[in-house]
Amino acid sequence: MSKVRAATTADPARWLRRSEVGWWDLVRYGPPGFDVYMRIAFADDADQDGEEPAVRTALATLAGHTTTPQSGYAAIWEGWTSRGPIPEAPRVAIPHRRMLLFTGPVSELRDAPALAWYGSAQDQLAAPHLVWPEDQAWCMACEVDEEIEFTVGCSVEAARALARALPGAVREVRYGEDVPLYRD
């Protein structure tokens, strides 16, 4: 049984908006202030059902770079699917990307969208849009329109671990750097 559930309040997401960063940078890079920002290529072998092995590998790696691996958060854009009713969860007010906040162990947050909407991740995979551990040691951002890469803001040590776990798929960028969204 999944341990992912609706958060009790939106308070754990307040840190995302504590600076005057624009919504577009926030949803593509997470909040500013990390030591390093890494762009990670989506795997070429991602399947049609939405399983993205690079996202799963990144979260598994990042779970080792937090003091709170059993307590994390996933903010999911409420419009990621038009199938089924929107689940009850606290709203995170991000312009143009109003999100719902869920909590659970970092190891299970990869499947948070499907678990929240359908109660199962089987055949219903979608990447969570913003994920972070309770201690805010890092933040992973998977903007809903991205086709090429996603971003992790983290420590230098966590960045090195990501590069080892995903060889050839990780590159360092500046926060807010203009990078392409689509494969075409």
N, C-alpha and C. Protein backbone atom coordinates (compact mmCIF):
# COMPACT_ATOMS: atom_id res chain seq x y z
N MET A 1 0.83 -1.19 0.00
CA MET A 1 0.00 0.00 0.00
C MET A 1 0.87 1.25 0.00
N SER A 2 0.50 2.21 -0.80
CA SER A 2 1.27 3.44 -0.93
C SER A 2 1.21 4.28 0.33
N LYS A 3 2.30 4.96 0.61
CA LYS A 3 2.36 5.88 1.74
C LYS A 3 2.22 7.32 1.27
N VAL A 4 1.99 7.53 -0.04
CA VAL A 4 1.77 8.88 -0.58
C VAL A 4 0.34 9.30 -0.27
N ARG A 5 0.20 10.50 0.29
CA ARG A 5 -1.12 11.00 0.67
C ARG A 5 -1.12 12.53 0.53
N ALA A 6 -2.28 13.11 0.55
CA ALA A 6 -2.39 14.57 0.51
C ALA A 6 -1.71 15.15 1.75
N ALA A 7 -0.97 16.23 1.57
CA ALA A 7 -0.38 16.93 2.71
C ALA A 7 -1.52 17.53 3.53
N THR A 8 -1.26 17.84 4.78
CA THR A 8 -2.32 18.42 5.63
C THR A 8 -2.51 19.91 5.37
N THR A 9 -1.44 20.61 4.97
CA THR A 9 -1.51 22.03 4.63
C THR A 9 -0.53 22.30 3.48
N ALA A 10 -0.62 23.47 2.91
CA ALA A 10 0.32 23.87 1.86
C ALA A 10 1.59 24.52 2.45
N ASP A 11 1.67 24.63 3.76
CA ASP A 11 2.81 25.29 4.41
C ASP A 11 4.17 24.75 3.98
N PRO A 12 4.35 23.43 3.81
CA PRO A 12 5.67 22.94 3.40
C PRO A 12 6.13 23.44 2.03
N ALA A 13 5.23 24.01 1.25
CA ALA A 13 5.60 24.52 -0.08
C ALA A 13 5.89 26.02 -0.06
N ARG A 14 5.72 26.68 1.07
CA ARG A 14 5.95 28.12 1.14
C ARG A 14 7.37 28.50 0.73
N TRP A 15 8.34 27.65 1.04
CA TRP A 15 9.73 27.97 0.74
C TRP A 15 9.98 28.12 -0.77
N LEU A 16 9.13 27.51 -1.58
CA LEU A 16 9.29 27.62 -3.03
C LEU A 16 9.13 29.06 -3.51
N ARG A 17 8.31 29.83 -2.82
CA ARG A 17 7.97 31.19 -3.27
C ARG A 17 8.58 32.27 -2.37
N ARG A 18 9.59 31.96 -1.59
CA ARG A 18 10.10 32.98 -0.68
C ARG A 18 10.97 34.03 -1.36
N SER A 19 11.37 33.81 -2.58
CA SER A 19 12.10 34.84 -3.31
C SER A 19 11.22 35.33 -4.46
N GLU A 20 11.63 36.36 -5.10
CA GLU A 20 10.84 36.96 -6.18
C GLU A 20 11.18 36.35 -7.53
N VAL A 21 11.32 35.08 -7.60
CA VAL A 21 11.60 34.40 -8.86
C VAL A 21 10.30 34.24 -9.66
N GLY A 22 10.41 34.34 -10.97
CA GLY A 22 9.24 34.18 -11.82
C GLY A 22 8.75 32.74 -11.83
N TRP A 23 7.47 32.59 -12.13
CA TRP A 23 6.86 31.26 -12.10
C TRP A 23 7.53 30.30 -13.08
N TRP A 24 7.94 30.80 -14.25
CA TRP A 24 8.51 29.92 -15.26
C TRP A 24 9.83 29.32 -14.78
N ASP A 25 10.69 30.14 -14.18
CA ASP A 25 11.95 29.61 -13.64
C ASP A 25 11.67 28.66 -12.48
N LEU A 26 10.68 28.97 -11.66
CA LEU A 26 10.36 28.11 -10.53
C LEU A 26 9.93 26.72 -10.99
N VAL A 27 9.06 26.64 -11.99
CA VAL A 27 8.59 25.32 -12.42
C VAL A 27 9.63 24.56 -13.24
N ARG A 28 10.60 25.26 -13.80
CA ARG A 28 11.65 24.59 -14.59
C ARG A 28 12.91 24.29 -13.78
N TYR A 29 13.18 25.08 -12.74
CA TYR A 29 14.42 24.93 -11.98
C TYR A 29 14.23 24.70 -10.49
N GLY A 30 13.01 24.85 -10.00
CA GLY A 30 12.81 24.83 -8.56
C GLY A 30 13.20 26.18 -8.00
N PRO A 31 13.31 26.31 -6.69
CA PRO A 31 13.65 27.61 -6.10
C PRO A 31 15.15 27.92 -6.27
N PRO A 32 15.50 29.20 -6.28
CA PRO A 32 16.91 29.58 -6.35
C PRO A 32 17.61 29.34 -5.02
N GLY A 33 18.94 29.32 -5.06
CA GLY A 33 19.71 29.26 -3.82
C GLY A 33 20.50 27.99 -3.59
N PHE A 34 20.37 26.98 -4.44
CA PHE A 34 21.17 25.76 -4.26
C PHE A 34 22.59 25.99 -4.77
N ASP A 35 23.52 25.17 -4.30
CA ASP A 35 24.92 25.28 -4.73
C ASP A 35 25.08 25.09 -6.23
N VAL A 36 24.29 24.17 -6.78
CA VAL A 36 24.43 23.82 -8.19
C VAL A 36 23.08 23.40 -8.75
N TYR A 37 22.91 23.63 -10.04
CA TYR A 37 21.70 23.18 -10.75
C TYR A 37 22.14 22.26 -11.87
N MET A 38 21.53 21.09 -11.90
CA MET A 38 21.88 20.08 -12.89
C MET A 38 20.67 19.82 -13.79
N ARG A 39 20.89 19.81 -15.09
CA ARG A 39 19.87 19.39 -16.03
C ARG A 39 20.16 17.93 -16.34
N ILE A 40 19.11 17.12 -16.30
CA ILE A 40 19.25 15.68 -16.51
C ILE A 40 18.38 15.29 -17.69
N ALA A 41 18.99 14.65 -18.66
CA ALA A 41 18.27 14.24 -19.87
C ALA A 41 17.28 13.13 -19.55
N PHE A 42 16.07 13.28 -20.10
CA PHE A 42 15.13 12.17 -20.03
C PHE A 42 15.73 11.01 -20.82
N ALA A 43 15.51 9.83 -20.36
CA ALA A 43 16.08 8.64 -20.99
C ALA A 43 15.50 8.43 -22.38
N ASP A 44 16.35 8.00 -23.30
CA ASP A 44 15.89 7.68 -24.65
C ASP A 44 14.95 6.49 -24.66
N ASP A 45 15.07 5.65 -23.63
CA ASP A 45 14.26 4.42 -23.61
C ASP A 45 13.03 4.54 -22.71
N ALA A 46 12.59 5.77 -22.43
CA ALA A 46 11.35 5.94 -21.66
C ALA A 46 10.21 5.31 -22.44
N ASP A 47 9.33 4.61 -21.75
CA ASP A 47 8.28 3.90 -22.47
C ASP A 47 7.04 4.76 -22.70
N GLN A 48 6.12 4.25 -23.47
CA GLN A 48 4.93 4.99 -23.86
C GLN A 48 4.00 5.29 -22.69
N ASP A 49 4.08 4.52 -21.63
CA ASP A 49 3.18 4.73 -20.49
C ASP A 49 3.66 5.83 -19.56
N GLY A 50 4.81 6.45 -19.86
CA GLY A 50 5.27 7.55 -19.05
C GLY A 50 6.36 7.19 -18.06
N GLU A 51 6.75 5.94 -18.00
CA GLU A 51 7.85 5.59 -17.09
C GLU A 51 9.10 6.29 -17.59
N GLU A 52 9.72 7.00 -16.72
CA GLU A 52 10.92 7.74 -17.05
C GLU A 52 12.02 7.28 -16.11
N PRO A 53 12.88 6.36 -16.57
CA PRO A 53 13.89 5.81 -15.68
C PRO A 53 14.85 6.85 -15.11
N ALA A 54 15.13 7.93 -15.84
CA ALA A 54 16.05 8.94 -15.31
C ALA A 54 15.45 9.63 -14.08
N VAL A 55 14.14 9.88 -14.09
CA VAL A 55 13.50 10.50 -12.93
C VAL A 55 13.56 9.55 -11.74
N ARG A 56 13.26 8.29 -11.97
CA ARG A 56 13.29 7.31 -10.88
C ARG A 56 14.71 7.17 -10.32
N THR A 57 15.70 7.11 -11.21
CA THR A 57 17.10 6.99 -10.77
C THR A 57 17.54 8.24 -10.01
N ALA A 58 17.16 9.41 -10.51
CA ALA A 58 17.54 10.65 -9.82
C ALA A 58 16.95 10.69 -8.42
N LEU A 59 15.68 10.36 -8.27
CA LEU A 59 15.07 10.38 -6.93
C LEU A 59 15.69 9.34 -6.01
N ALA A 60 16.00 8.17 -6.53
CA ALA A 60 16.65 7.15 -5.71
C ALA A 60 18.02 7.63 -5.25
N THR A 61 18.73 8.31 -6.12
CA THR A 61 20.05 8.85 -5.77
C THR A 61 19.91 9.98 -4.75
N LEU A 62 18.99 10.88 -4.99
CA LEU A 62 18.79 12.03 -4.10
C LEU A 62 18.31 11.62 -2.71
N ALA A 63 17.63 10.48 -2.61
CA ALA A 63 17.18 9.99 -1.29
C ALA A 63 18.36 9.79 -0.35
N GLY A 64 19.54 9.54 -0.90
CA GLY A 64 20.74 9.39 -0.09
C GLY A 64 21.40 10.71 0.27
N HIS A 65 20.81 11.82 -0.17
CA HIS A 65 21.39 13.14 0.08
C HIS A 65 20.40 14.05 0.80
N THR A 66 19.74 13.47 1.78
CA THR A 66 18.82 14.20 2.64
C THR A 66 18.82 13.54 4.01
N THR A 67 18.55 14.31 5.03
CA THR A 67 18.41 13.73 6.37
C THR A 67 16.98 13.26 6.61
N THR A 68 16.09 13.52 5.63
CA THR A 68 14.67 13.17 5.80
C THR A 68 14.15 12.32 4.63
N PRO A 69 14.77 11.19 4.32
CA PRO A 69 14.30 10.39 3.17
C PRO A 69 12.91 9.81 3.36
N GLN A 70 12.44 9.71 4.58
CA GLN A 70 11.11 9.16 4.82
C GLN A 70 10.01 10.22 4.78
N SER A 71 10.42 11.48 4.57
CA SER A 71 9.44 12.56 4.56
C SER A 71 9.79 13.57 3.47
N GLY A 72 9.01 13.55 2.39
CA GLY A 72 9.22 14.48 1.30
C GLY A 72 7.89 14.98 0.78
N TYR A 73 7.96 15.85 -0.23
CA TYR A 73 6.77 16.46 -0.79
C TYR A 73 6.82 16.43 -2.31
N ALA A 74 5.66 16.31 -2.90
CA ALA A 74 5.51 16.39 -4.35
C ALA A 74 4.38 17.37 -4.65
N ALA A 75 4.71 18.41 -5.41
CA ALA A 75 3.70 19.34 -5.89
C ALA A 75 3.38 18.94 -7.32
N ILE A 76 2.11 18.70 -7.58
CA ILE A 76 1.67 18.18 -8.88
C ILE A 76 0.69 19.16 -9.50
N TRP A 77 0.96 19.54 -10.74
CA TRP A 77 0.07 20.45 -11.44
C TRP A 77 -1.31 19.82 -11.53
N GLU A 78 -2.32 20.54 -11.08
CA GLU A 78 -3.66 19.97 -11.02
C GLU A 78 -4.24 19.66 -12.40
N GLY A 79 -3.66 20.20 -13.45
CA GLY A 79 -4.16 19.95 -14.80
C GLY A 79 -3.36 18.93 -15.59
N TRP A 80 -2.53 18.13 -14.92
CA TRP A 80 -1.66 17.20 -15.66
C TRP A 80 -2.46 16.16 -16.43
N THR A 81 -3.67 15.88 -16.02
CA THR A 81 -4.52 14.96 -16.76
C THR A 81 -5.96 15.44 -16.69
N SER A 82 -6.70 15.13 -17.71
CA SER A 82 -8.12 15.49 -17.69
C SER A 82 -8.99 14.30 -17.34
N ARG A 83 -8.34 13.17 -17.06
CA ARG A 83 -9.09 11.96 -16.69
C ARG A 83 -9.28 11.90 -15.18
N GLY A 84 -10.48 11.68 -14.77
CA GLY A 84 -10.77 11.54 -13.35
C GLY A 84 -10.85 12.86 -12.64
N PRO A 85 -11.49 12.86 -11.48
CA PRO A 85 -11.61 14.10 -10.70
C PRO A 85 -10.27 14.50 -10.08
N ILE A 86 -10.13 15.79 -9.84
CA ILE A 86 -8.93 16.30 -9.17
C ILE A 86 -9.00 15.89 -7.71
N PRO A 87 -7.95 15.27 -7.19
CA PRO A 87 -7.99 14.83 -5.79
C PRO A 87 -8.01 16.01 -4.82
N GLU A 88 -8.49 15.74 -3.63
CA GLU A 88 -8.48 16.75 -2.57
C GLU A 88 -7.08 16.82 -1.98
N ALA A 89 -6.49 18.00 -2.02
CA ALA A 89 -5.17 18.23 -1.45
C ALA A 89 -4.96 19.74 -1.35
N PRO A 90 -4.09 20.19 -0.46
CA PRO A 90 -3.81 21.62 -0.36
C PRO A 90 -3.28 22.17 -1.68
N ARG A 91 -3.71 23.38 -2.03
CA ARG A 91 -3.29 24.04 -3.26
C ARG A 91 -2.01 24.83 -3.01
N VAL A 92 -1.09 24.75 -3.97
CA VAL A 92 0.14 25.54 -3.96
C VAL A 92 -0.04 26.57 -5.07
N ALA A 93 -0.09 27.84 -4.69
CA ALA A 93 -0.41 28.92 -5.63
C ALA A 93 0.83 29.35 -6.42
N ILE A 94 1.05 28.69 -7.53
CA ILE A 94 2.10 29.08 -8.47
C ILE A 94 1.37 29.56 -9.72
N PRO A 95 1.61 30.80 -10.15
CA PRO A 95 0.90 31.31 -11.32
C PRO A 95 1.05 30.36 -12.52
N HIS A 96 -0.02 30.15 -13.23
CA HIS A 96 -0.07 29.32 -14.44
C HIS A 96 0.19 27.84 -14.18
N ARG A 97 0.46 27.44 -12.96
CA ARG A 97 0.71 26.04 -12.63
C ARG A 97 0.22 25.74 -11.22
N ARG A 98 -1.03 26.04 -10.93
CA ARG A 98 -1.53 25.75 -9.59
C ARG A 98 -1.35 24.26 -9.33
N MET A 99 -0.75 23.96 -8.21
CA MET A 99 -0.39 22.59 -7.89
C MET A 99 -1.08 22.09 -6.63
N LEU A 100 -1.11 20.79 -6.50
CA LEU A 100 -1.63 20.12 -5.32
C LEU A 100 -0.45 19.52 -4.58
N LEU A 101 -0.48 19.54 -3.25
CA LEU A 101 0.65 19.08 -2.47
C LEU A 101 0.39 17.73 -1.82
N PHE A 102 1.33 16.80 -2.05
CA PHE A 102 1.27 15.47 -1.48
C PHE A 102 2.55 15.19 -0.71
N THR A 103 2.50 14.23 0.17
CA THR A 103 3.65 13.90 1.00
C THR A 103 3.81 12.39 1.06
N GLY A 104 5.03 11.97 1.37
CA GLY A 104 5.34 10.55 1.51
C GLY A 104 6.85 10.35 1.51
N PRO A 105 7.29 9.12 1.60
CA PRO A 105 8.73 8.85 1.52
C PRO A 105 9.26 9.25 0.14
N VAL A 106 10.46 9.81 0.10
CA VAL A 106 11.06 10.21 -1.16
C VAL A 106 11.03 9.06 -2.17
N SER A 107 11.25 7.85 -1.71
CA SER A 107 11.30 6.69 -2.61
C SER A 107 9.97 6.43 -3.32
N GLU A 108 8.87 6.94 -2.80
CA GLU A 108 7.56 6.71 -3.42
C GLU A 108 7.03 7.91 -4.19
N LEU A 109 7.69 9.05 -4.08
CA LEU A 109 7.16 10.27 -4.70
C LEU A 109 7.26 10.26 -6.22
N ARG A 110 8.08 9.40 -6.79
CA ARG A 110 8.14 9.29 -8.26
C ARG A 110 6.76 9.02 -8.83
N ASP A 111 5.97 8.25 -8.14
CA ASP A 111 4.66 7.83 -8.62
C ASP A 111 3.52 8.66 -8.06
N ALA A 112 3.82 9.79 -7.42
CA ALA A 112 2.79 10.58 -6.74
C ALA A 112 1.62 10.99 -7.63
N PRO A 113 1.84 11.45 -8.87
CA PRO A 113 0.66 11.84 -9.67
C PRO A 113 -0.33 10.69 -9.87
N ALA A 114 0.15 9.55 -10.30
CA ALA A 114 -0.74 8.41 -10.54
C ALA A 114 -1.37 7.92 -9.25
N LEU A 115 -0.61 7.87 -8.18
CA LEU A 115 -1.15 7.42 -6.89
C LEU A 115 -2.24 8.37 -6.40
N ALA A 116 -2.02 9.68 -6.56
CA ALA A 116 -2.99 10.66 -6.09
C ALA A 116 -4.29 10.62 -6.89
N TRP A 117 -4.18 10.48 -8.20
CA TRP A 117 -5.37 10.51 -9.05
C TRP A 117 -6.05 9.14 -9.15
N TYR A 118 -5.25 8.07 -9.22
CA TYR A 118 -5.83 6.75 -9.53
C TYR A 118 -5.64 5.70 -8.45
N GLY A 119 -4.83 6.00 -7.44
CA GLY A 119 -4.61 5.04 -6.36
C GLY A 119 -3.62 3.95 -6.71
N SER A 120 -3.09 3.99 -7.92
CA SER A 120 -2.13 2.98 -8.38
C SER A 120 -1.23 3.62 -9.44
N ALA A 121 0.00 3.17 -9.48
CA ALA A 121 0.93 3.67 -10.50
C ALA A 121 0.98 2.74 -11.70
N GLN A 122 0.29 1.64 -11.63
CA GLN A 122 0.32 0.68 -12.73
C GLN A 122 -0.28 1.29 -13.99
N ASP A 123 0.51 1.38 -15.04
CA ASP A 123 0.08 1.87 -16.35
C ASP A 123 -0.38 3.33 -16.35
N GLN A 124 -0.06 4.09 -15.34
CA GLN A 124 -0.50 5.49 -15.25
C GLN A 124 0.63 6.38 -14.75
N LEU A 125 1.78 6.30 -15.35
CA LEU A 125 2.92 7.04 -14.83
C LEU A 125 3.05 8.43 -15.41
N ALA A 126 3.37 9.36 -14.58
CA ALA A 126 3.71 10.73 -14.96
C ALA A 126 4.68 11.24 -13.91
N ALA A 127 5.64 12.02 -14.34
CA ALA A 127 6.62 12.55 -13.39
C ALA A 127 5.97 13.58 -12.47
N PRO A 128 6.33 13.58 -11.20
CA PRO A 128 5.86 14.65 -10.32
C PRO A 128 6.53 15.95 -10.76
N HIS A 129 5.92 17.07 -10.51
CA HIS A 129 6.41 18.32 -11.08
C HIS A 129 7.44 19.04 -10.22
N LEU A 130 7.27 19.07 -8.93
CA LEU A 130 8.29 19.58 -8.00
C LEU A 130 8.36 18.60 -6.85
N VAL A 131 9.56 18.15 -6.53
CA VAL A 131 9.74 17.19 -5.44
C VAL A 131 10.90 17.66 -4.58
N TRP A 132 10.73 17.56 -3.25
CA TRP A 132 11.81 17.92 -2.32
C TRP A 132 11.62 17.16 -1.02
N PRO A 133 12.72 16.92 -0.31
CA PRO A 133 12.61 16.30 1.01
C PRO A 133 12.24 17.36 2.05
N GLU A 134 11.76 16.90 3.18
CA GLU A 134 11.36 17.83 4.24
C GLU A 134 12.48 18.78 4.63
N ASP A 135 13.73 18.31 4.63
CA ASP A 135 14.84 19.18 5.03
C ASP A 135 15.28 20.15 3.92
N GLN A 136 14.63 20.10 2.76
CA GLN A 136 14.90 21.00 1.64
C GLN A 136 16.35 20.95 1.16
N ALA A 137 16.95 19.76 1.24
CA ALA A 137 18.33 19.58 0.82
C ALA A 137 18.50 19.69 -0.70
N TRP A 138 17.44 19.48 -1.43
CA TRP A 138 17.45 19.55 -2.89
C TRP A 138 16.02 19.74 -3.38
N CYS A 139 15.88 20.03 -4.65
CA CYS A 139 14.55 20.11 -5.27
C CYS A 139 14.67 19.65 -6.72
N MET A 140 13.79 18.76 -7.11
CA MET A 140 13.72 18.29 -8.49
C MET A 140 12.52 18.95 -9.16
N ALA A 141 12.73 19.50 -10.36
CA ALA A 141 11.67 20.16 -11.11
C ALA A 141 11.49 19.49 -12.47
N CYS A 142 10.29 19.00 -12.71
CA CYS A 142 9.93 18.39 -14.00
C CYS A 142 8.76 19.17 -14.57
N GLU A 143 9.03 20.24 -15.28
CA GLU A 143 7.98 21.05 -15.88
C GLU A 143 7.16 20.19 -16.82
N VAL A 144 5.85 20.37 -16.79
CA VAL A 144 4.93 19.51 -17.55
C VAL A 144 5.17 19.57 -19.05
N ASP A 145 5.71 20.67 -19.57
CA ASP A 145 5.93 20.79 -21.01
C ASP A 145 7.32 20.37 -21.46
N GLU A 146 8.17 20.02 -20.54
CA GLU A 146 9.54 19.63 -20.90
C GLU A 146 9.56 18.28 -21.61
N GLU A 147 10.32 18.18 -22.69
CA GLU A 147 10.49 16.92 -23.40
C GLU A 147 11.92 16.42 -23.39
N ILE A 148 12.87 17.28 -23.00
CA ILE A 148 14.28 16.94 -23.15
C ILE A 148 14.95 16.63 -21.82
N GLU A 149 14.74 17.50 -20.84
CA GLU A 149 15.46 17.40 -19.57
C GLU A 149 14.57 17.84 -18.41
N PHE A 150 15.03 17.52 -17.20
CA PHE A 150 14.46 18.07 -15.98
C PHE A 150 15.62 18.61 -15.16
N THR A 151 15.32 19.31 -14.07
CA THR A 151 16.36 20.00 -13.30
C THR A 151 16.37 19.53 -11.85
N VAL A 152 17.57 19.50 -11.28
CA VAL A 152 17.73 19.27 -9.85
C VAL A 152 18.63 20.38 -9.30
N GLY A 153 18.15 21.08 -8.29
CA GLY A 153 18.96 22.01 -7.53
C GLY A 153 19.43 21.28 -6.29
N CYS A 154 20.74 21.32 -6.01
CA CYS A 154 21.26 20.48 -4.92
C CYS A 154 22.65 20.92 -4.49
N SER A 155 23.25 20.13 -3.64
CA SER A 155 24.64 20.34 -3.21
C SER A 155 25.59 19.80 -4.27
N VAL A 156 26.84 20.20 -4.19
CA VAL A 156 27.86 19.69 -5.11
C VAL A 156 27.99 18.17 -4.95
N GLU A 157 27.94 17.69 -3.73
CA GLU A 157 28.05 16.25 -3.48
C GLU A 157 26.90 15.48 -4.13
N ALA A 158 25.69 15.98 -4.00
CA ALA A 158 24.54 15.32 -4.62
C ALA A 158 24.66 15.38 -6.14
N ALA A 159 25.15 16.49 -6.68
CA ALA A 159 25.34 16.61 -8.13
C ALA A 159 26.33 15.57 -8.64
N ARG A 160 27.40 15.36 -7.90
CA ARG A 160 28.38 14.34 -8.30
C ARG A 160 27.75 12.95 -8.28
N ALA A 161 26.93 12.69 -7.27
CA ALA A 161 26.25 11.39 -7.19
C ALA A 161 25.29 11.20 -8.37
N LEU A 162 24.60 12.26 -8.76
CA LEU A 162 23.70 12.18 -9.92
C LEU A 162 24.50 11.89 -11.20
N ALA A 163 25.64 12.54 -11.34
CA ALA A 163 26.48 12.31 -12.53
C ALA A 163 26.97 10.86 -12.58
N ARG A 164 27.28 10.28 -11.42
CA ARG A 164 27.70 8.87 -11.38
C ARG A 164 26.54 7.93 -11.69
N ALA A 165 25.37 8.26 -11.18
CA ALA A 165 24.20 7.39 -11.36
C ALA A 165 23.63 7.47 -12.78
N LEU A 166 23.82 8.61 -13.44
CA LEU A 166 23.26 8.84 -14.78
C LEU A 166 24.36 9.34 -15.71
N PRO A 167 25.37 8.48 -15.98
CA PRO A 167 26.52 8.93 -16.77
C PRO A 167 26.11 9.42 -18.16
N GLY A 168 26.65 10.59 -18.51
CA GLY A 168 26.38 11.17 -19.82
C GLY A 168 25.05 11.90 -19.93
N ALA A 169 24.22 11.86 -18.89
CA ALA A 169 22.89 12.46 -18.95
C ALA A 169 22.78 13.73 -18.11
N VAL A 170 23.85 14.11 -17.41
CA VAL A 170 23.78 15.20 -16.44
C VAL A 170 24.74 16.31 -16.86
N ARG A 171 24.24 17.55 -16.81
CA ARG A 171 25.10 18.70 -17.08
C ARG A 171 24.74 19.84 -16.15
N GLU A 172 25.73 20.62 -15.78
CA GLU A 172 25.50 21.76 -14.89
C GLU A 172 25.04 22.97 -15.71
N VAL A 173 24.11 23.73 -15.14
CA VAL A 173 23.60 24.95 -15.77
C VAL A 173 23.49 26.06 -14.72
N ARG A 174 23.31 27.27 -15.20
CA ARG A 174 23.02 28.40 -14.31
C ARG A 174 21.52 28.41 -14.04
N TYR A 175 21.14 28.85 -12.87
CA TYR A 175 19.72 28.95 -12.54
C TYR A 175 19.03 29.86 -13.54
N GLY A 176 17.93 29.38 -14.11
CA GLY A 176 17.14 30.16 -15.04
C GLY A 176 17.69 30.22 -16.45
N GLU A 177 18.76 29.50 -16.72
CA GLU A 177 19.35 29.50 -18.06
C GLU A 177 18.29 29.13 -19.10
N ASP A 178 18.34 29.80 -20.24
CA ASP A 178 17.39 29.51 -21.31
C ASP A 178 17.81 28.22 -22.01
N VAL A 179 17.05 27.18 -21.78
CA VAL A 179 17.34 25.88 -22.40
C VAL A 179 16.11 25.43 -23.17
N PRO A 180 16.31 24.63 -24.22
CA PRO A 180 15.16 24.22 -25.04
C PRO A 180 14.21 23.32 -24.25
N LEU A 181 12.92 23.40 -24.64
CA LEU A 181 11.87 22.58 -24.03
C LEU A 181 11.59 21.31 -24.83
N TYR A 182 11.65 21.45 -26.16
CA TYR A 182 11.14 20.39 -27.02
C TYR A 182 12.24 19.76 -27.86
N ARG A 183 12.00 18.55 -28.29
CA ARG A 183 12.97 17.81 -29.11
C ARG A 183 13.09 18.40 -30.52
N ASP A 184 12.07 19.01 -31.03
CA ASP A 184 12.11 19.56 -32.41
C ASP A 184 12.84 20.87 -32.46
